[in-house]
Amino acid sequence: MRDLLDSLKEQFDLIIIDSAPAFSSADGVGISSSVDGVVLVMEAETTRWPVTEEAKGRIIRNGGNILGIVLNKRKYHIPEFIYRHL
């Protein structure tokens, strides 16, 4: 995998890899040491903070660099008609 990434880096400025979740497969954590950075994607209001911390710890222990976290599926609790006026 590392050889493949090295050859791709010669051809492209930016490579984005969507991998398996850190807890469902070792591939997601395993690849983290071969890339420049990792962006964790967590489901808002569902993923517990200890789970996020553990995923972050696994990636860092594997030699990965955490760039940030994205929250997806966030629910807006303000009614939509109010958002239209903001």
PDB file of N, CA and C in Angstrom:
ATOM      1  N   MET A   1       0.818  -1.193   0.000  1.00  0.00           N
ATOM      2  CA  MET A   1       0.000   0.000   0.000  1.00  0.00           C
ATOM      3  C   MET A   1       0.860   1.255   0.000  1.00  0.00           C
ATOM      4  N   ARG A   2       1.939   1.208   0.751  1.00  0.00           N
ATOM      5  CA  ARG A   2       2.826   2.371   0.836  1.00  0.00           C
ATOM      6  C   ARG A   2       3.447   2.685  -0.530  1.00  0.00           C
ATOM      7  N   ASP A   3       3.818   1.651  -1.286  1.00  0.00           N
ATOM      8  CA  ASP A   3       4.375   1.861  -2.632  1.00  0.00           C
ATOM      9  C   ASP A   3       3.341   2.507  -3.561  1.00  0.00           C
ATOM     10  N   LEU A   4       2.106   2.049  -3.455  1.00  0.00           N
ATOM     11  CA  LEU A   4       1.044   2.624  -4.266  1.00  0.00           C
ATOM     12  C   LEU A   4       0.856   4.106  -3.930  1.00  0.00           C
ATOM     13  N   LEU A   5       0.812   4.434  -2.649  1.00  0.00           N
ATOM     14  CA  LEU A   5       0.651   5.827  -2.242  1.00  0.00           C
ATOM     15  C   LEU A   5       1.820   6.683  -2.700  1.00  0.00           C
ATOM     16  N   ASP A   6       3.034   6.148  -2.603  1.00  0.00           N
ATOM     17  CA  ASP A   6       4.210   6.904  -3.065  1.00  0.00           C
ATOM     18  C   ASP A   6       4.134   7.205  -4.554  1.00  0.00           C
ATOM     19  N   SER A   7       3.691   6.238  -5.353  1.00  0.00           N
ATOM     20  CA  SER A   7       3.592   6.484  -6.796  1.00  0.00           C
ATOM     21  C   SER A   7       2.469   7.470  -7.112  1.00  0.00           C
ATOM     22  N   LEU A   8       1.386   7.420  -6.350  1.00  0.00           N
ATOM     23  CA  LEU A   8       0.293   8.375  -6.554  1.00  0.00           C
ATOM     24  C   LEU A   8       0.704   9.791  -6.165  1.00  0.00           C
ATOM     25  N   LYS A   9       1.521   9.920  -5.111  1.00  0.00           N
ATOM     26  CA  LYS A   9       1.978  11.236  -4.669  1.00  0.00           C
ATOM     27  C   LYS A   9       2.836  11.925  -5.727  1.00  0.00           C
ATOM     28  N   GLU A  10       3.504  11.137  -6.559  1.00  0.00           N
ATOM     29  CA  GLU A  10       4.307  11.716  -7.640  1.00  0.00           C
ATOM     30  C   GLU A  10       3.431  12.301  -8.740  1.00  0.00           C
ATOM     31  N   GLN A  11       2.224  11.774  -8.884  1.00  0.00           N
ATOM     32  CA  GLN A  11       1.339  12.194  -9.969  1.00  0.00           C
ATOM     33  C   GLN A  11       0.312  13.250  -9.553  1.00  0.00           C
ATOM     34  N   PHE A  12      -0.060  13.276  -8.259  1.00  0.00           N
ATOM     35  CA  PHE A  12      -1.147  14.148  -7.824  1.00  0.00           C
ATOM     36  C   PHE A  12      -0.732  15.011  -6.639  1.00  0.00           C
ATOM     37  N   ASP A  13      -1.339  16.195  -6.545  1.00  0.00           N
ATOM     38  CA  ASP A  13      -1.085  17.090  -5.418  1.00  0.00           C
ATOM     39  C   ASP A  13      -1.872  16.690  -4.178  1.00  0.00           C
ATOM     40  N   LEU A  14      -3.077  16.169  -4.386  1.00  0.00           N
ATOM     41  CA  LEU A  14      -3.962  15.830  -3.274  1.00  0.00           C
ATOM     42  C   LEU A  14      -4.608  14.482  -3.536  1.00  0.00           C
ATOM     43  N   ILE A  15      -4.526  13.608  -2.550  1.00  0.00           N
ATOM     44  CA  ILE A  15      -5.138  12.283  -2.640  1.00  0.00           C
ATOM     45  C   ILE A  15      -6.030  12.118  -1.421  1.00  0.00           C
ATOM     46  N   ILE A  16      -7.297  11.802  -1.639  1.00  0.00           N
ATOM     47  CA  ILE A  16      -8.240  11.591  -0.543  1.00  0.00           C
ATOM     48  C   ILE A  16      -8.646  10.125  -0.554  1.00  0.00           C
ATOM     49  N   ILE A  17      -8.536   9.487   0.596  1.00  0.00           N
ATOM     50  CA  ILE A  17      -8.870   8.071   0.729  1.00  0.00           C
ATOM     51  C   ILE A  17      -9.998   7.938   1.744  1.00  0.00           C
ATOM     52  N   ASP A  18     -11.062   7.274   1.350  1.00  0.00           N
ATOM     53  CA  ASP A  18     -12.174   6.981   2.256  1.00  0.00           C
ATOM     54  C   ASP A  18     -11.965   5.560   2.743  1.00  0.00           C
ATOM     55  N   SER A  19     -11.680   5.411   4.019  1.00  0.00           N
ATOM     56  CA  SER A  19     -11.395   4.069   4.537  1.00  0.00           C
ATOM     57  C   SER A  19     -12.506   3.591   5.461  1.00  0.00           C
ATOM     58  N   ALA A  20     -12.373   2.368   5.888  1.00  0.00           N
ATOM     59  CA  ALA A  20     -13.335   1.773   6.809  1.00  0.00           C
ATOM     60  C   ALA A  20     -13.249   2.464   8.171  1.00  0.00           C
ATOM     61  N   PRO A  21     -14.323   2.426   8.953  1.00  0.00           N
ATOM     62  CA  PRO A  21     -14.279   3.018  10.288  1.00  0.00           C
ATOM     63  C   PRO A  21     -13.194   2.382  11.158  1.00  0.00           C
ATOM     64  N   ALA A  22     -12.678   3.169  12.079  1.00  0.00           N
ATOM     65  CA  ALA A  22     -11.568   2.719  12.929  1.00  0.00           C
ATOM     66  C   ALA A  22     -11.928   1.498  13.766  1.00  0.00           C
ATOM     67  N   PHE A  23     -13.206   1.331  14.112  1.00  0.00           N
ATOM     68  CA  PHE A  23     -13.588   0.214  14.973  1.00  0.00           C
ATOM     69  C   PHE A  23     -14.106  -1.005  14.226  1.00  0.00           C
ATOM     70  N   SER A  24     -14.421  -0.866  12.957  1.00  0.00           N
ATOM     71  CA  SER A  24     -14.957  -2.018  12.233  1.00  0.00           C
ATOM     72  C   SER A  24     -13.890  -2.773  11.447  1.00  0.00           C
ATOM     73  N   SER A  25     -12.731  -2.135  11.245  1.00  0.00           N
ATOM     74  CA  SER A  25     -11.694  -2.774  10.442  1.00  0.00           C
ATOM     75  C   SER A  25     -10.326  -2.222  10.831  1.00  0.00           C
ATOM     76  N   ALA A  26      -9.328  -3.063  10.792  1.00  0.00           N
ATOM     77  CA  ALA A  26      -7.965  -2.617  11.082  1.00  0.00           C
ATOM     78  C   ALA A  26      -7.392  -1.784   9.941  1.00  0.00           C
ATOM     79  N   ASP A  27      -8.005  -1.859   8.763  1.00  0.00           N
ATOM     80  CA  ASP A  27      -7.512  -1.108   7.605  1.00  0.00           C
ATOM     81  C   ASP A  27      -7.548   0.396   7.831  1.00  0.00           C
ATOM     82  N   GLY A  28      -8.616   0.881   8.451  1.00  0.00           N
ATOM     83  CA  GLY A  28      -8.748   2.312   8.679  1.00  0.00           C
ATOM     84  C   GLY A  28      -7.634   2.867   9.543  1.00  0.00           C
ATOM     85  N   VAL A  29      -7.288   2.159  10.596  1.00  0.00           N
ATOM     86  CA  VAL A  29      -6.198   2.586  11.472  1.00  0.00           C
ATOM     87  C   VAL A  29      -4.854   2.276  10.830  1.00  0.00           C
ATOM     88  N   GLY A  30      -4.753   1.150  10.159  1.00  0.00           N
ATOM     89  CA  GLY A  30      -3.485   0.742   9.564  1.00  0.00           C
ATOM     90  C   GLY A  30      -2.964   1.695   8.511  1.00  0.00           C
ATOM     91  N   ILE A  31      -3.853   2.274   7.739  1.00  0.00           N
ATOM     92  CA  ILE A  31      -3.437   3.179   6.670  1.00  0.00           C
ATOM     93  C   ILE A  31      -3.041   4.550   7.216  1.00  0.00           C
ATOM     94  N   SER A  32      -3.425   4.853   8.452  1.00  0.00           N
ATOM     95  CA  SER A  32      -3.206   6.197   9.000  1.00  0.00           C
ATOM     96  C   SER A  32      -1.728   6.589   9.074  1.00  0.00           C
ATOM     97  N   SER A  33      -0.841   5.642   9.221  1.00  0.00           N
ATOM     98  CA  SER A  33       0.584   5.970   9.280  1.00  0.00           C
ATOM     99  C   SER A  33       1.186   6.215   7.899  1.00  0.00           C
ATOM    100  N   SER A  34       0.456   5.862   6.841  1.00  0.00           N
ATOM    101  CA  SER A  34       0.969   6.012   5.477  1.00  0.00           C
ATOM    102  C   SER A  34       0.486   7.282   4.789  1.00  0.00           C
ATOM    103  N   VAL A  35      -0.395   8.025   5.442  1.00  0.00           N
ATOM    104  CA  VAL A  35      -0.955   9.231   4.835  1.00  0.00           C
ATOM    105  C   VAL A  35      -0.492  10.469   5.610  1.00  0.00           C
ATOM    106  N   ASP A  36      -0.670  11.643   4.994  1.00  0.00           N
ATOM    107  CA  ASP A  36      -0.248  12.884   5.639  1.00  0.00           C
ATOM    108  C   ASP A  36      -1.137  13.270   6.808  1.00  0.00           C
ATOM    109  N   GLY A  37      -2.412  12.938   6.742  1.00  0.00           N
ATOM    110  CA  GLY A  37      -3.321  13.312   7.815  1.00  0.00           C
ATOM    111  C   GLY A  37      -4.627  12.555   7.747  1.00  0.00           C
ATOM    112  N   VAL A  38      -5.338  12.568   8.873  1.00  0.00           N
ATOM    113  CA  VAL A  38      -6.603  11.851   9.005  1.00  0.00           C
ATOM    114  C   VAL A  38      -7.674  12.831   9.469  1.00  0.00           C
ATOM    115  N   VAL A  39      -8.830  12.770   8.835  1.00  0.00           N
ATOM    116  CA  VAL A  39      -9.998  13.521   9.280  1.00  0.00           C
ATOM    117  C   VAL A  39     -11.011  12.498   9.777  1.00  0.00           C
ATOM    118  N   LEU A  40     -11.328  12.554  11.064  1.00  0.00           N
ATOM    119  CA  LEU A  40     -12.319  11.642  11.635  1.00  0.00           C
ATOM    120  C   LEU A  40     -13.714  12.152  11.294  1.00  0.00           C
ATOM    121  N   VAL A  41     -14.602  11.247  10.926  1.00  0.00           N
ATOM    122  CA  VAL A  41     -15.995  11.597  10.658  1.00  0.00           C
ATOM    123  C   VAL A  41     -16.842  10.889  11.705  1.00  0.00           C
ATOM    124  N   MET A  42     -17.534  11.682  12.517  1.00  0.00           N
ATOM    125  CA  MET A  42     -18.351  11.148  13.602  1.00  0.00           C
ATOM    126  C   MET A  42     -19.800  11.558  13.406  1.00  0.00           C
ATOM    127  N   GLU A  43     -20.715  10.669  13.736  1.00  0.00           N
ATOM    128  CA  GLU A  43     -22.135  10.977  13.608  1.00  0.00           C
ATOM    129  C   GLU A  43     -22.579  11.812  14.804  1.00  0.00           C
ATOM    130  N   ALA A  44     -23.052  13.010  14.524  1.00  0.00           N
ATOM    131  CA  ALA A  44     -23.481  13.930  15.576  1.00  0.00           C
ATOM    132  C   ALA A  44     -24.630  13.329  16.383  1.00  0.00           C
ATOM    133  N   GLU A  45     -24.589  13.554  17.681  1.00  0.00           N
ATOM    134  CA  GLU A  45     -25.615  13.130  18.626  1.00  0.00           C
ATOM    135  C   GLU A  45     -25.759  11.614  18.732  1.00  0.00           C
ATOM    136  N   THR A  46     -24.857  10.865  18.133  1.00  0.00           N
ATOM    137  CA  THR A  46     -24.896   9.406  18.226  1.00  0.00           C
ATOM    138  C   THR A  46     -23.575   8.855  18.748  1.00  0.00           C
ATOM    139  N   THR A  47     -22.468   9.288  18.162  1.00  0.00           N
ATOM    140  CA  THR A  47     -21.154   8.801  18.564  1.00  0.00           C
ATOM    141  C   THR A  47     -20.783   9.408  19.911  1.00  0.00           C
ATOM    142  N   ARG A  48     -20.468   8.575  20.858  1.00  0.00           N
ATOM    143  CA  ARG A  48     -20.110   9.021  22.204  1.00  0.00           C
ATOM    144  C   ARG A  48     -18.677   9.544  22.230  1.00  0.00           C
ATOM    145  N   TRP A  49     -18.433  10.500  23.114  1.00  0.00           N
ATOM    146  CA  TRP A  49     -17.111  11.110  23.227  1.00  0.00           C
ATOM    147  C   TRP A  49     -16.020  10.084  23.529  1.00  0.00           C
ATOM    148  N   PRO A  50     -16.217   9.113  24.451  1.00  0.00           N
ATOM    149  CA  PRO A  50     -15.165   8.111  24.696  1.00  0.00           C
ATOM    150  C   PRO A  50     -14.804   7.301  23.439  1.00  0.00           C
ATOM    151  N   VAL A  51     -15.779   7.044  22.591  1.00  0.00           N
ATOM    152  CA  VAL A  51     -15.513   6.320  21.337  1.00  0.00           C
ATOM    153  C   VAL A  51     -14.632   7.169  20.429  1.00  0.00           C
ATOM    154  N   THR A  52     -14.933   8.464  20.363  1.00  0.00           N
ATOM    155  CA  THR A  52     -14.123   9.386  19.558  1.00  0.00           C
ATOM    156  C   THR A  52     -12.698   9.455  20.090  1.00  0.00           C
ATOM    157  N   GLU A  53     -12.557   9.550  21.401  1.00  0.00           N
ATOM    158  CA  GLU A  53     -11.225   9.594  22.016  1.00  0.00           C
ATOM    159  C   GLU A  53     -10.442   8.311  21.737  1.00  0.00           C
ATOM    160  N   GLU A  54     -11.109   7.167  21.812  1.00  0.00           N
ATOM    161  CA  GLU A  54     -10.434   5.892  21.554  1.00  0.00           C
ATOM    162  C   GLU A  54      -9.987   5.790  20.099  1.00  0.00           C
ATOM    163  N   ALA A  55     -10.832   6.215  19.166  1.00  0.00           N
ATOM    164  CA  ALA A  55     -10.444   6.202  17.745  1.00  0.00           C
ATOM    165  C   ALA A  55      -9.243   7.112  17.528  1.00  0.00           C
ATOM    166  N   LYS A  56      -9.283   8.295  18.114  1.00  0.00           N
ATOM    167  CA  LYS A  56      -8.159   9.225  18.012  1.00  0.00           C
ATOM    168  C   LYS A  56      -6.883   8.595  18.585  1.00  0.00           C
ATOM    169  N   GLY A  57      -7.003   7.953  19.737  1.00  0.00           N
ATOM    170  CA  GLY A  57      -5.846   7.303  20.361  1.00  0.00           C
ATOM    171  C   GLY A  57      -5.259   6.196  19.502  1.00  0.00           C
ATOM    172  N   ARG A  58      -6.121   5.383  18.900  1.00  0.00           N
ATOM    173  CA  ARG A  58      -5.635   4.298  18.031  1.00  0.00           C
ATOM    174  C   ARG A  58      -4.861   4.849  16.836  1.00  0.00           C
ATOM    175  N   ILE A  59      -5.383   5.908  16.254  1.00  0.00           N
ATOM    176  CA  ILE A  59      -4.722   6.496  15.089  1.00  0.00           C
ATOM    177  C   ILE A  59      -3.377   7.094  15.479  1.00  0.00           C
ATOM    178  N   ILE A  60      -3.339   7.808  16.583  1.00  0.00           N
ATOM    179  CA  ILE A  60      -2.083   8.426  17.032  1.00  0.00           C
ATOM    180  C   ILE A  60      -1.055   7.351  17.413  1.00  0.00           C
ATOM    181  N   ARG A  61      -1.496   6.299  18.124  1.00  0.00           N
ATOM    182  CA  ARG A  61      -0.576   5.210  18.491  1.00  0.00           C
ATOM    183  C   ARG A  61      -0.021   4.502  17.257  1.00  0.00           C
ATOM    184  N   ASN A  62      -0.773   4.507  16.172  1.00  0.00           N
ATOM    185  CA  ASN A  62      -0.322   3.880  14.930  1.00  0.00           C
ATOM    186  C   ASN A  62       0.588   4.802  14.119  1.00  0.00           C
ATOM    187  N   GLY A  63       0.772   6.036  14.578  1.00  0.00           N
ATOM    188  CA  GLY A  63       1.643   6.968  13.866  1.00  0.00           C
ATOM    189  C   GLY A  63       0.904   7.926  12.962  1.00  0.00           C
ATOM    190  N   GLY A  64      -0.424   7.986  13.103  1.00  0.00           N
ATOM    191  CA  GLY A  64      -1.228   8.878  12.276  1.00  0.00           C
ATOM    192  C   GLY A  64      -1.275  10.292  12.828  1.00  0.00           C
ATOM    193  N   ASN A  65      -1.660  11.235  11.983  1.00  0.00           N
ATOM    194  CA  ASN A  65      -1.759  12.644  12.331  1.00  0.00           C
ATOM    195  C   ASN A  65      -3.209  13.080  12.164  1.00  0.00           C
ATOM    196  N   ILE A  66      -3.871  13.446  13.265  1.00  0.00           N
ATOM    197  CA  ILE A  66      -5.268  13.871  13.218  1.00  0.00           C
ATOM    198  C   ILE A  66      -5.325  15.325  12.759  1.00  0.00           C
ATOM    199  N   LEU A  67      -6.017  15.577  11.654  1.00  0.00           N
ATOM    200  CA  LEU A  67      -6.178  16.938  11.144  1.00  0.00           C
ATOM    201  C   LEU A  67      -7.429  17.605  11.698  1.00  0.00           C
ATOM    202  N   GLY A  68      -8.461  16.817  11.995  1.00  0.00           N
ATOM    203  CA  GLY A  68      -9.694  17.386  12.514  1.00  0.00           C
ATOM    204  C   GLY A  68     -10.805  16.362  12.548  1.00  0.00           C
ATOM    205  N   ILE A  69     -11.967  16.849  12.957  1.00  0.00           N
ATOM    206  CA  ILE A  69     -13.145  15.991  13.065  1.00  0.00           C
ATOM    207  C   ILE A  69     -14.298  16.656  12.323  1.00  0.00           C
ATOM    208  N   VAL A  70     -15.073  15.852  11.602  1.00  0.00           N
ATOM    209  CA  VAL A  70     -16.271  16.323  10.923  1.00  0.00           C
ATOM    210  C   VAL A  70     -17.467  15.657  11.593  1.00  0.00           C
ATOM    211  N   LEU A  71     -18.472  16.451  11.939  1.00  0.00           N
ATOM    212  CA  LEU A  71     -19.724  15.897  12.462  1.00  0.00           C
ATOM    213  C   LEU A  71     -20.720  15.824  11.320  1.00  0.00           C
ATOM    214  N   ASN A  72     -21.221  14.629  11.050  1.00  0.00           N
ATOM    215  CA  ASN A  72     -22.235  14.511  10.006  1.00  0.00           C
ATOM    216  C   ASN A  72     -23.583  14.182  10.632  1.00  0.00           C
ATOM    217  N   LYS A  73     -24.628  14.312   9.849  1.00  0.00           N
ATOM    218  CA  LYS A  73     -26.003  14.041  10.268  1.00  0.00           C
ATOM    219  C   LYS A  73     -26.436  14.924  11.447  1.00  0.00           C
ATOM    220  N   ARG A  74     -25.926  16.140  11.495  1.00  0.00           N
ATOM    221  CA  ARG A  74     -26.315  17.052  12.572  1.00  0.00           C
ATOM    222  C   ARG A  74     -27.749  17.512  12.346  1.00  0.00           C
ATOM    223  N   LYS A  75     -28.524  17.517  13.419  1.00  0.00           N
ATOM    224  CA  LYS A  75     -29.907  17.961  13.350  1.00  0.00           C
ATOM    225  C   LYS A  75     -29.993  19.385  13.874  1.00  0.00           C
ATOM    226  N   TYR A  76     -30.739  20.199  13.182  1.00  0.00           N
ATOM    227  CA  TYR A  76     -30.944  21.576  13.613  1.00  0.00           C
ATOM    228  C   TYR A  76     -32.253  21.626  14.399  1.00  0.00           C
ATOM    229  N   HIS A  77     -32.164  22.101  15.631  1.00  0.00           N
ATOM    230  CA  HIS A  77     -33.334  22.105  16.498  1.00  0.00           C
ATOM    231  C   HIS A  77     -34.116  23.411  16.423  1.00  0.00           C
ATOM    232  N   ILE A  78     -33.639  24.361  15.652  1.00  0.00           N
ATOM    233  CA  ILE A  78     -34.378  25.600  15.416  1.00  0.00           C
ATOM    234  C   ILE A  78     -35.269  25.357  14.205  1.00  0.00           C
ATOM    235  N   PRO A  79     -36.534  25.736  14.279  1.00  0.00           N
ATOM    236  CA  PRO A  79     -37.439  25.507  13.142  1.00  0.00           C
ATOM    237  C   PRO A  79     -36.915  26.131  11.849  1.00  0.00           C
ATOM    238  N   GLU A  80     -37.187  25.460  10.743  1.00  0.00           N
ATOM    239  CA  GLU A  80     -36.673  25.893   9.441  1.00  0.00           C
ATOM    240  C   GLU A  80     -37.115  27.301   9.064  1.00  0.00           C
ATOM    241  N   PHE A  81     -38.319  27.695   9.406  1.00  0.00           N
ATOM    242  CA  PHE A  81     -38.782  29.035   9.025  1.00  0.00           C
ATOM    243  C   PHE A  81     -37.939  30.122   9.677  1.00  0.00           C
ATOM    244  N   ILE A  82     -37.347  29.837  10.831  1.00  0.00           N
ATOM    245  CA  ILE A  82     -36.462  30.809  11.474  1.00  0.00           C
ATOM    246  C   ILE A  82     -35.128  30.866  10.731  1.00  0.00           C
ATOM    247  N   TYR A  83     -34.624  29.717  10.283  1.00  0.00           N
ATOM    248  CA  TYR A  83     -33.359  29.690   9.523  1.00  0.00           C
ATOM    249  C   TYR A  83     -33.458  30.521   8.245  1.00  0.00           C
ATOM    250  N   ARG A  84     -34.630  30.548   7.623  1.00  0.00           N
ATOM    251  CA  ARG A  84     -34.782  31.300   6.387  1.00  0.00           C
ATOM    252  C   ARG A  84     -34.602  32.805   6.620  1.00  0.00           C
ATOM    253  N   HIS A  85     -34.840  33.265   7.834  1.00  0.00           N
ATOM    254  CA  HIS A  85     -34.735  34.699   8.128  1.00  0.00           C
ATOM    255  C   HIS A  85     -33.384  35.094   8.703  1.00  0.00           C
ATOM    256  N   LEU A  86     -32.503  34.150   8.915  1.00  0.00           N
ATOM    257  CA  LEU A  86     -31.171  34.464   9.469  1.00  0.00           C
ATOM    258  C   LEU A  86     -30.213  34.899   8.400  1.00  0.00           C
TER     259      LEU A  86
END
